[in-house]
Amino acid sequence: VKGRFTISRDNAKNTVYLQMNSLK
């Protein structure tokens, strides 16, 4: 998933995200 997915977090919103692009 390298280069296609991005993990991030917003501790103020108490949420973690996984942006998934170029899905296969």
mmCIF file of all heavy atoms, coordinates in Angstrom:
data_MODEL
# 
_entry.id   MODEL 
# 
loop_
_atom_site.group_PDB 
_atom_site.id 
_atom_site.type_symbol 
_atom_site.label_atom_id 
_atom_site.label_alt_id 
_atom_site.label_comp_id 
_atom_site.label_asym_id 
_atom_site.label_entity_id 
_atom_site.label_seq_id 
_atom_site.pdbx_PDB_ins_code 
_atom_site.Cartn_x 
_atom_site.Cartn_y 
_atom_site.Cartn_z 
_atom_site.occupancy 
_atom_site.B_iso_or_equiv 
_atom_site.pdbx_formal_charge 
_atom_site.auth_seq_id 
_atom_site.auth_comp_id 
_atom_site.auth_asym_id 
_atom_site.auth_atom_id 
_atom_site.pdbx_PDB_model_num 
ATOM 1   N N   . VAL A 1 1  ? 0.815   -1.227 0.000  1.00 0.00 ? 1  VAL A N   1 
ATOM 2   C CA  . VAL A 1 1  ? 0.000   0.000  0.000  1.00 0.00 ? 1  VAL A CA  1 
ATOM 3   C C   . VAL A 1 1  ? 0.845   1.272  0.000  1.00 0.00 ? 1  VAL A C   1 
ATOM 4   O O   . VAL A 1 1  ? 0.297   2.375  -0.082 1.00 0.00 ? 1  VAL A O   1 
ATOM 5   C CB  . VAL A 1 1  ? -0.971  0.029  1.199  1.00 0.00 ? 1  VAL A CB  1 
ATOM 6   C CG1 . VAL A 1 1  ? -1.807  -1.253 1.241  1.00 0.00 ? 1  VAL A CG1 1 
ATOM 7   C CG2 . VAL A 1 1  ? -0.245  0.246  2.516  1.00 0.00 ? 1  VAL A CG2 1 
ATOM 8   N N   . LYS A 1 2  ? 2.154   1.137  0.085  1.00 0.00 ? 2  LYS A N   1 
ATOM 9   C CA  . LYS A 1 2  ? 3.020   2.317  0.106  1.00 0.00 ? 2  LYS A CA  1 
ATOM 10  C C   . LYS A 1 2  ? 2.795   3.167  -1.139 1.00 0.00 ? 2  LYS A C   1 
ATOM 11  O O   . LYS A 1 2  ? 2.742   2.650  -2.257 1.00 0.00 ? 2  LYS A O   1 
ATOM 12  C CB  . LYS A 1 2  ? 4.490   1.901  0.179  1.00 0.00 ? 2  LYS A CB  1 
ATOM 13  C CG  . LYS A 1 2  ? 4.964   1.555  1.571  1.00 0.00 ? 2  LYS A CG  1 
ATOM 14  C CD  . LYS A 1 2  ? 6.445   1.190  1.560  1.00 0.00 ? 2  LYS A CD  1 
ATOM 15  C CE  . LYS A 1 2  ? 6.907   0.808  2.943  1.00 0.00 ? 2  LYS A CE  1 
ATOM 16  N NZ  . LYS A 1 2  ? 8.331   0.382  2.947  1.00 0.00 ? 2  LYS A NZ  1 
ATOM 17  N N   . GLY A 1 3  ? 2.693   4.466  -0.916 1.00 0.00 ? 3  GLY A N   1 
ATOM 18  C CA  . GLY A 1 3  ? 2.486   5.386  -2.023 1.00 0.00 ? 3  GLY A CA  1 
ATOM 19  C C   . GLY A 1 3  ? 1.040   5.540  -2.428 1.00 0.00 ? 3  GLY A C   1 
ATOM 20  O O   . GLY A 1 3  ? 0.703   6.445  -3.200 1.00 0.00 ? 3  GLY A O   1 
ATOM 21  N N   . ARG A 1 4  ? 0.170   4.683  -1.918 1.00 0.00 ? 4  ARG A N   1 
ATOM 22  C CA  . ARG A 1 4  ? -1.260  4.759  -2.237 1.00 0.00 ? 4  ARG A CA  1 
ATOM 23  C C   . ARG A 1 4  ? -2.107  5.105  -1.020 1.00 0.00 ? 4  ARG A C   1 
ATOM 24  O O   . ARG A 1 4  ? -3.114  5.801  -1.140 1.00 0.00 ? 4  ARG A O   1 
ATOM 25  C CB  . ARG A 1 4  ? -1.735  3.426  -2.818 1.00 0.00 ? 4  ARG A CB  1 
ATOM 26  C CG  . ARG A 1 4  ? -1.025  3.010  -4.079 1.00 0.00 ? 4  ARG A CG  1 
ATOM 27  C CD  . ARG A 1 4  ? -1.692  1.790  -4.717 1.00 0.00 ? 4  ARG A CD  1 
ATOM 28  N NE  . ARG A 1 4  ? -1.649  0.609  -3.854 1.00 0.00 ? 4  ARG A NE  1 
ATOM 29  C CZ  . ARG A 1 4  ? -2.744  -0.054 -3.443 1.00 0.00 ? 4  ARG A CZ  1 
ATOM 30  N NH1 . ARG A 1 4  ? -3.944  0.342  -3.817 1.00 0.00 ? 4  ARG A NH1 1 
ATOM 31  N NH2 . ARG A 1 4  ? -2.613  -1.122 -2.681 1.00 0.00 ? 4  ARG A NH2 1 
ATOM 32  N N   . PHE A 1 5  ? -1.715  4.607  0.136  1.00 0.00 ? 5  PHE A N   1 
ATOM 33  C CA  . PHE A 1 5  ? -2.472  4.827  1.369  1.00 0.00 ? 5  PHE A CA  1 
ATOM 34  C C   . PHE A 1 5  ? -1.711  5.794  2.272  1.00 0.00 ? 5  PHE A C   1 
ATOM 35  O O   . PHE A 1 5  ? -0.477  5.783  2.302  1.00 0.00 ? 5  PHE A O   1 
ATOM 36  C CB  . PHE A 1 5  ? -2.676  3.517  2.124  1.00 0.00 ? 5  PHE A CB  1 
ATOM 37  C CG  . PHE A 1 5  ? -3.603  2.535  1.479  1.00 0.00 ? 5  PHE A CG  1 
ATOM 38  C CD1 . PHE A 1 5  ? -4.056  2.690  0.176  1.00 0.00 ? 5  PHE A CD1 1 
ATOM 39  C CD2 . PHE A 1 5  ? -4.031  1.420  2.192  1.00 0.00 ? 5  PHE A CD2 1 
ATOM 40  C CE1 . PHE A 1 5  ? -4.905  1.778  -0.424 1.00 0.00 ? 5  PHE A CE1 1 
ATOM 41  C CE2 . PHE A 1 5  ? -4.887  0.486  1.615  1.00 0.00 ? 5  PHE A CE2 1 
ATOM 42  C CZ  . PHE A 1 5  ? -5.313  0.666  0.313  1.00 0.00 ? 5  PHE A CZ  1 
ATOM 43  N N   . THR A 1 6  ? -2.461  6.580  3.026  1.00 0.00 ? 6  THR A N   1 
ATOM 44  C CA  . THR A 1 6  ? -1.861  7.494  3.994  1.00 0.00 ? 6  THR A CA  1 
ATOM 45  C C   . THR A 1 6  ? -2.616  7.415  5.310  1.00 0.00 ? 6  THR A C   1 
ATOM 46  O O   . THR A 1 6  ? -3.836  7.606  5.334  1.00 0.00 ? 6  THR A O   1 
ATOM 47  C CB  . THR A 1 6  ? -1.892  8.942  3.498  1.00 0.00 ? 6  THR A CB  1 
ATOM 48  O OG1 . THR A 1 6  ? -1.213  9.034  2.235  1.00 0.00 ? 6  THR A OG1 1 
ATOM 49  C CG2 . THR A 1 6  ? -1.192  9.862  4.499  1.00 0.00 ? 6  THR A CG2 1 
ATOM 50  N N   . ILE A 1 7  ? -1.882  7.127  6.376  1.00 0.00 ? 7  ILE A N   1 
ATOM 51  C CA  . ILE A 1 7  ? -2.478  7.105  7.704  1.00 0.00 ? 7  ILE A CA  1 
ATOM 52  C C   . ILE A 1 7  ? -2.224  8.455  8.374  1.00 0.00 ? 7  ILE A C   1 
ATOM 53  O O   . ILE A 1 7  ? -1.155  9.057  8.195  1.00 0.00 ? 7  ILE A O   1 
ATOM 54  C CB  . ILE A 1 7  ? -1.914  5.940  8.553  1.00 0.00 ? 7  ILE A CB  1 
ATOM 55  C CG1 . ILE A 1 7  ? -2.734  5.744  9.824  1.00 0.00 ? 7  ILE A CG1 1 
ATOM 56  C CG2 . ILE A 1 7  ? -0.438  6.153  8.861  1.00 0.00 ? 7  ILE A CG2 1 
ATOM 57  C CD1 . ILE A 1 7  ? -2.373  4.458  10.582 1.00 0.00 ? 7  ILE A CD1 1 
ATOM 58  N N   . SER A 1 8  ? -3.205  8.922  9.119  1.00 0.00 ? 8  SER A N   1 
ATOM 59  C CA  . SER A 1 8  ? -3.044  10.187 9.834  1.00 0.00 ? 8  SER A CA  1 
ATOM 60  C C   . SER A 1 8  ? -3.932  10.158 11.066 1.00 0.00 ? 8  SER A C   1 
ATOM 61  O O   . SER A 1 8  ? -4.806  9.294  11.202 1.00 0.00 ? 8  SER A O   1 
ATOM 62  C CB  . SER A 1 8  ? -3.400  11.377 8.935  1.00 0.00 ? 8  SER A CB  1 
ATOM 63  O OG  . SER A 1 8  ? -4.761  11.327 8.551  1.00 0.00 ? 8  SER A OG  1 
ATOM 64  N N   . ARG A 1 9  ? -3.700  11.106 11.943 1.00 0.00 ? 9  ARG A N   1 
ATOM 65  C CA  . ARG A 1 9  ? -4.528  11.174 13.140 1.00 0.00 ? 9  ARG A CA  1 
ATOM 66  C C   . ARG A 1 9  ? -4.734  12.626 13.517 1.00 0.00 ? 9  ARG A C   1 
ATOM 67  O O   . ARG A 1 9  ? -3.858  13.477 13.291 1.00 0.00 ? 9  ARG A O   1 
ATOM 68  C CB  . ARG A 1 9  ? -3.926  10.376 14.299 1.00 0.00 ? 9  ARG A CB  1 
ATOM 69  C CG  . ARG A 1 9  ? -2.615  10.874 14.820 1.00 0.00 ? 9  ARG A CG  1 
ATOM 70  C CD  . ARG A 1 9  ? -2.001  9.854  15.787 1.00 0.00 ? 9  ARG A CD  1 
ATOM 71  N NE  . ARG A 1 9  ? -2.830  9.630  16.947 1.00 0.00 ? 9  ARG A NE  1 
ATOM 72  C CZ  . ARG A 1 9  ? -2.768  8.526  17.720 1.00 0.00 ? 9  ARG A CZ  1 
ATOM 73  N NH1 . ARG A 1 9  ? -1.906  7.569  17.415 1.00 0.00 ? 9  ARG A NH1 1 
ATOM 74  N NH2 . ARG A 1 9  ? -3.547  8.399  18.776 1.00 0.00 ? 9  ARG A NH2 1 
ATOM 75  N N   . ASP A 1 10 ? -5.882  12.874 14.102 1.00 0.00 ? 10 ASP A N   1 
ATOM 76  C CA  . ASP A 1 10 ? -6.214  14.191 14.633 1.00 0.00 ? 10 ASP A CA  1 
ATOM 77  C C   . ASP A 1 10 ? -6.611  13.964 16.084 1.00 0.00 ? 10 ASP A C   1 
ATOM 78  O O   . ASP A 1 10 ? -7.758  13.607 16.379 1.00 0.00 ? 10 ASP A O   1 
ATOM 79  C CB  . ASP A 1 10 ? -7.357  14.822 13.834 1.00 0.00 ? 10 ASP A CB  1 
ATOM 80  C CG  . ASP A 1 10 ? -7.658  16.242 14.261 1.00 0.00 ? 10 ASP A CG  1 
ATOM 81  O OD1 . ASP A 1 10 ? -7.317  16.621 15.401 1.00 0.00 ? 10 ASP A OD1 1 
ATOM 82  O OD2 . ASP A 1 10 ? -8.256  16.984 13.467 1.00 0.00 ? 10 ASP A OD2 1 
ATOM 83  N N   . ASN A 1 11 ? -5.661  14.141 16.973 1.00 0.00 ? 11 ASN A N   1 
ATOM 84  C CA  . ASN A 1 11 ? -5.935  13.857 18.384 1.00 0.00 ? 11 ASN A CA  1 
ATOM 85  C C   . ASN A 1 11 ? -6.974  14.825 18.970 1.00 0.00 ? 11 ASN A C   1 
ATOM 86  O O   . ASN A 1 11 ? -7.680  14.472 19.908 1.00 0.00 ? 11 ASN A O   1 
ATOM 87  C CB  . ASN A 1 11 ? -4.645  13.892 19.189 1.00 0.00 ? 11 ASN A CB  1 
ATOM 88  C CG  . ASN A 1 11 ? -3.795  12.641 18.962 1.00 0.00 ? 11 ASN A CG  1 
ATOM 89  O OD1 . ASN A 1 11 ? -4.262  11.658 18.373 1.00 0.00 ? 11 ASN A OD1 1 
ATOM 90  N ND2 . ASN A 1 11 ? -2.557  12.672 19.412 1.00 0.00 ? 11 ASN A ND2 1 
ATOM 91  N N   . ALA A 1 12 ? -7.072  16.003 18.415 1.00 0.00 ? 12 ALA A N   1 
ATOM 92  C CA  . ALA A 1 12 ? -8.094  16.941 18.884 1.00 0.00 ? 12 ALA A CA  1 
ATOM 93  C C   . ALA A 1 12 ? -9.497  16.407 18.588 1.00 0.00 ? 12 ALA A C   1 
ATOM 94  O O   . ALA A 1 12 ? -10.446 16.640 19.344 1.00 0.00 ? 12 ALA A O   1 
ATOM 95  C CB  . ALA A 1 12 ? -7.892  18.302 18.245 1.00 0.00 ? 12 ALA A CB  1 
ATOM 96  N N   . LYS A 1 13 ? -9.618  15.684 17.463 1.00 0.00 ? 13 LYS A N   1 
ATOM 97  C CA  . LYS A 1 13 ? -10.897 15.082 17.105 1.00 0.00 ? 13 LYS A CA  1 
ATOM 98  C C   . LYS A 1 13 ? -10.985 13.631 17.552 1.00 0.00 ? 13 LYS A C   1 
ATOM 99  O O   . LYS A 1 13 ? -11.995 12.965 17.308 1.00 0.00 ? 13 LYS A O   1 
ATOM 100 C CB  . LYS A 1 13 ? -11.108 15.168 15.590 1.00 0.00 ? 13 LYS A CB  1 
ATOM 101 C CG  . LYS A 1 13 ? -11.264 16.586 15.063 1.00 0.00 ? 13 LYS A CG  1 
ATOM 102 C CD  . LYS A 1 13 ? -11.547 16.599 13.579 1.00 0.00 ? 13 LYS A CD  1 
ATOM 103 C CE  . LYS A 1 13 ? -11.764 18.023 13.085 1.00 0.00 ? 13 LYS A CE  1 
ATOM 104 N NZ  . LYS A 1 13 ? -12.035 18.070 11.623 1.00 0.00 ? 13 LYS A NZ  1 
ATOM 105 N N   . ASN A 1 14 ? -9.892  13.153 18.171 1.00 0.00 ? 14 ASN A N   1 
ATOM 106 C CA  . ASN A 1 14 ? -9.884  11.778 18.687 1.00 0.00 ? 14 ASN A CA  1 
ATOM 107 C C   . ASN A 1 14 ? -10.193 10.766 17.595 1.00 0.00 ? 14 ASN A C   1 
ATOM 108 O O   . ASN A 1 14 ? -10.960 9.822  17.801 1.00 0.00 ? 14 ASN A O   1 
ATOM 109 C CB  . ASN A 1 14 ? -10.891 11.645 19.847 1.00 0.00 ? 14 ASN A CB  1 
ATOM 110 C CG  . ASN A 1 14 ? -10.480 10.602 20.854 1.00 0.00 ? 14 ASN A CG  1 
ATOM 111 O OD1 . ASN A 1 14 ? -9.300  10.286 21.007 1.00 0.00 ? 14 ASN A OD1 1 
ATOM 112 N ND2 . ASN A 1 14 ? -11.457 10.079 21.568 1.00 0.00 ? 14 ASN A ND2 1 
ATOM 113 N N   . THR A 1 15 ? -9.584  10.962 16.444 1.00 0.00 ? 15 THR A N   1 
ATOM 114 C CA  . THR A 1 15 ? -9.881  10.135 15.279 1.00 0.00 ? 15 THR A CA  1 
ATOM 115 C C   . THR A 1 15 ? -8.603  9.847  14.498 1.00 0.00 ? 15 THR A C   1 
ATOM 116 O O   . THR A 1 15 ? -7.709  10.700 14.409 1.00 0.00 ? 15 THR A O   1 
ATOM 117 C CB  . THR A 1 15 ? -10.902 10.842 14.365 1.00 0.00 ? 15 THR A CB  1 
ATOM 118 O OG1 . THR A 1 15 ? -12.079 11.139 15.109 1.00 0.00 ? 15 THR A OG1 1 
ATOM 119 C CG2 . THR A 1 15 ? -11.289 9.942  13.186 1.00 0.00 ? 15 THR A CG2 1 
ATOM 120 N N   . VAL A 1 16 ? -8.543  8.636  13.968 1.00 0.00 ? 16 VAL A N   1 
ATOM 121 C CA  . VAL A 1 16 ? -7.455  8.241  13.077 1.00 0.00 ? 16 VAL A CA  1 
ATOM 122 C C   . VAL A 1 16 ? -8.057  7.939  11.713 1.00 0.00 ? 16 VAL A C   1 
ATOM 123 O O   . VAL A 1 16 ? -9.157  7.392  11.625 1.00 0.00 ? 16 VAL A O   1 
ATOM 124 C CB  . VAL A 1 16 ? -6.707  7.020  13.629 1.00 0.00 ? 16 VAL A CB  1 
ATOM 125 C CG1 . VAL A 1 16 ? -5.650  6.529  12.652 1.00 0.00 ? 16 VAL A CG1 1 
ATOM 126 C CG2 . VAL A 1 16 ? -6.066  7.365  14.975 1.00 0.00 ? 16 VAL A CG2 1 
ATOM 127 N N   . TYR A 1 17 ? -7.325  8.281  10.669 1.00 0.00 ? 17 TYR A N   1 
ATOM 128 C CA  . TYR A 1 17 ? -7.828  8.136  9.316  1.00 0.00 ? 17 TYR A CA  1 
ATOM 129 C C   . TYR A 1 17 ? -6.909  7.251  8.473  1.00 0.00 ? 17 TYR A C   1 
ATOM 130 O O   . TYR A 1 17 ? -5.709  7.131  8.744  1.00 0.00 ? 17 TYR A O   1 
ATOM 131 C CB  . TYR A 1 17 ? -7.918  9.514  8.636  1.00 0.00 ? 17 TYR A CB  1 
ATOM 132 C CG  . TYR A 1 17 ? -8.732  10.517 9.388  1.00 0.00 ? 17 TYR A CG  1 
ATOM 133 C CD1 . TYR A 1 17 ? -8.117  11.460 10.214 1.00 0.00 ? 17 TYR A CD1 1 
ATOM 134 C CD2 . TYR A 1 17 ? -10.118 10.532 9.295  1.00 0.00 ? 17 TYR A CD2 1 
ATOM 135 C CE1 . TYR A 1 17 ? -8.867  12.390 10.919 1.00 0.00 ? 17 TYR A CE1 1 
ATOM 136 C CE2 . TYR A 1 17 ? -10.869 11.466 9.997  1.00 0.00 ? 17 TYR A CE2 1 
ATOM 137 C CZ  . TYR A 1 17 ? -10.230 12.388 10.808 1.00 0.00 ? 17 TYR A CZ  1 
ATOM 138 O OH  . TYR A 1 17 ? -10.977 13.308 11.515 1.00 0.00 ? 17 TYR A OH  1 
ATOM 139 N N   . LEU A 1 18 ? -7.489  6.659  7.465  1.00 0.00 ? 18 LEU A N   1 
ATOM 140 C CA  . LEU A 1 18 ? -6.723  5.951  6.455  1.00 0.00 ? 18 LEU A CA  1 
ATOM 141 C C   . LEU A 1 18 ? -7.250  6.389  5.097  1.00 0.00 ? 18 LEU A C   1 
ATOM 142 O O   . LEU A 1 18 ? -8.343  6.004  4.703  1.00 0.00 ? 18 LEU A O   1 
ATOM 143 C CB  . LEU A 1 18 ? -6.843  4.435  6.613  1.00 0.00 ? 18 LEU A CB  1 
ATOM 144 C CG  . LEU A 1 18 ? -5.977  3.626  5.644  1.00 0.00 ? 18 LEU A CG  1 
ATOM 145 C CD1 . LEU A 1 18 ? -4.494  3.799  5.998  1.00 0.00 ? 18 LEU A CD1 1 
ATOM 146 C CD2 . LEU A 1 18 ? -6.355  2.156  5.679  1.00 0.00 ? 18 LEU A CD2 1 
ATOM 147 N N   . GLN A 1 19 ? -6.474  7.227  4.425  1.00 0.00 ? 19 GLN A N   1 
ATOM 148 C CA  . GLN A 1 19 ? -6.831  7.665  3.082  1.00 0.00 ? 19 GLN A CA  1 
ATOM 149 C C   . GLN A 1 19 ? -6.295  6.638  2.097  1.00 0.00 ? 19 GLN A C   1 
ATOM 150 O O   . GLN A 1 19 ? -5.091  6.371  2.067  1.00 0.00 ? 19 GLN A O   1 
ATOM 151 C CB  . GLN A 1 19 ? -6.222  9.038  2.786  1.00 0.00 ? 19 GLN A CB  1 
ATOM 152 C CG  . GLN A 1 19 ? -6.484  9.547  1.381  1.00 0.00 ? 19 GLN A CG  1 
ATOM 153 C CD  . GLN A 1 19 ? -7.939  9.853  1.129  1.00 0.00 ? 19 GLN A CD  1 
ATOM 154 O OE1 . GLN A 1 19 ? -8.591  10.513 1.929  1.00 0.00 ? 19 GLN A OE1 1 
ATOM 155 N NE2 . GLN A 1 19 ? -8.474  9.380  0.010  1.00 0.00 ? 19 GLN A NE2 1 
ATOM 156 N N   . MET A 1 20 ? -7.193  6.090  1.301  1.00 0.00 ? 20 MET A N   1 
ATOM 157 C CA  . MET A 1 20 ? -6.821  5.031  0.364  1.00 0.00 ? 20 MET A CA  1 
ATOM 158 C C   . MET A 1 20 ? -7.080  5.516  -1.056 1.00 0.00 ? 20 MET A C   1 
ATOM 159 O O   . MET A 1 20 ? -8.233  5.785  -1.420 1.00 0.00 ? 20 MET A O   1 
ATOM 160 C CB  . MET A 1 20 ? -7.632  3.767  0.652  1.00 0.00 ? 20 MET A CB  1 
ATOM 161 C CG  . MET A 1 20 ? -7.509  3.290  2.094  1.00 0.00 ? 20 MET A CG  1 
ATOM 162 S SD  . MET A 1 20 ? -8.307  1.702  2.382  1.00 0.00 ? 20 MET A SD  1 
ATOM 163 C CE  . MET A 1 20 ? -10.013 2.115  2.052  1.00 0.00 ? 20 MET A CE  1 
ATOM 164 N N   . ASN A 1 21 ? -6.020  5.652  -1.821 1.00 0.00 ? 21 ASN A N   1 
ATOM 165 C CA  . ASN A 1 21 ? -6.116  6.089  -3.204 1.00 0.00 ? 21 ASN A CA  1 
ATOM 166 C C   . ASN A 1 21 ? -5.669  4.978  -4.145 1.00 0.00 ? 21 ASN A C   1 
ATOM 167 O O   . ASN A 1 21 ? -5.029  4.015  -3.724 1.00 0.00 ? 21 ASN A O   1 
ATOM 168 C CB  . ASN A 1 21 ? -5.251  7.331  -3.426 1.00 0.00 ? 21 ASN A CB  1 
ATOM 169 C CG  . ASN A 1 21 ? -5.675  8.512  -2.587 1.00 0.00 ? 21 ASN A CG  1 
ATOM 170 O OD1 . ASN A 1 21 ? -6.861  8.679  -2.276 1.00 0.00 ? 21 ASN A OD1 1 
ATOM 171 N ND2 . ASN A 1 21 ? -4.716  9.344  -2.201 1.00 0.00 ? 21 ASN A ND2 1 
ATOM 172 N N   . SER A 1 22 ? -5.992  5.133  -5.411 1.00 0.00 ? 22 SER A N   1 
ATOM 173 C CA  . SER A 1 22 ? -5.583  4.159  -6.442 1.00 0.00 ? 22 SER A CA  1 
ATOM 174 C C   . SER A 1 22 ? -5.910  2.738  -6.013 1.00 0.00 ? 22 SER A C   1 
ATOM 175 O O   . SER A 1 22 ? -5.077  1.831  -6.107 1.00 0.00 ? 22 SER A O   1 
ATOM 176 C CB  . SER A 1 22 ? -4.077  4.300  -6.730 1.00 0.00 ? 22 SER A CB  1 
ATOM 177 O OG  . SER A 1 22 ? -3.772  5.611  -7.149 1.00 0.00 ? 22 SER A OG  1 
ATOM 178 N N   . LEU A 1 23 ? -7.117  2.549  -5.541 1.00 0.00 ? 23 LEU A N   1 
ATOM 179 C CA  . LEU A 1 23 ? -7.504  1.250  -5.002 1.00 0.00 ? 23 LEU A CA  1 
ATOM 180 C C   . LEU A 1 23 ? -7.514  0.181  -6.079 1.00 0.00 ? 23 LEU A C   1 
ATOM 181 O O   . LEU A 1 23 ? -7.843  0.444  -7.250 1.00 0.00 ? 23 LEU A O   1 
ATOM 182 C CB  . LEU A 1 23 ? -8.866  1.345  -4.327 1.00 0.00 ? 23 LEU A CB  1 
ATOM 183 C CG  . LEU A 1 23 ? -8.811  1.983  -2.931 1.00 0.00 ? 23 LEU A CG  1 
ATOM 184 C CD1 . LEU A 1 23 ? -10.177 2.507  -2.522 1.00 0.00 ? 23 LEU A CD1 1 
ATOM 185 C CD2 . LEU A 1 23 ? -8.293  0.985  -1.915 1.00 0.00 ? 23 LEU A CD2 1 
ATOM 186 N N   . LYS A 1 24 ? -7.137  -1.021 -5.665 1.00 0.00 ? 24 LYS A N   1 
ATOM 187 C CA  . LYS A 1 24 ? -7.051  -2.169 -6.552 1.00 0.00 ? 24 LYS A CA  1 
ATOM 188 C C   . LYS A 1 24 ? -7.993  -3.263 -6.055 1.00 0.00 ? 24 LYS A C   1 
ATOM 189 O O   . LYS A 1 24 ? -8.317  -3.313 -4.865 1.00 0.00 ? 24 LYS A O   1 
ATOM 190 C CB  . LYS A 1 24 ? -5.626  -2.719 -6.559 1.00 0.00 ? 24 LYS A CB  1 
ATOM 191 C CG  . LYS A 1 24 ? -4.559  -1.700 -6.940 1.00 0.00 ? 24 LYS A CG  1 
ATOM 192 C CD  . LYS A 1 24 ? -3.171  -2.304 -6.800 1.00 0.00 ? 24 LYS A CD  1 
ATOM 193 C CE  . LYS A 1 24 ? -2.085  -1.296 -7.160 1.00 0.00 ? 24 LYS A CE  1 
ATOM 194 N NZ  . LYS A 1 24 ? -0.724  -1.883 -7.017 1.00 0.00 ? 24 LYS A NZ  1 
# 
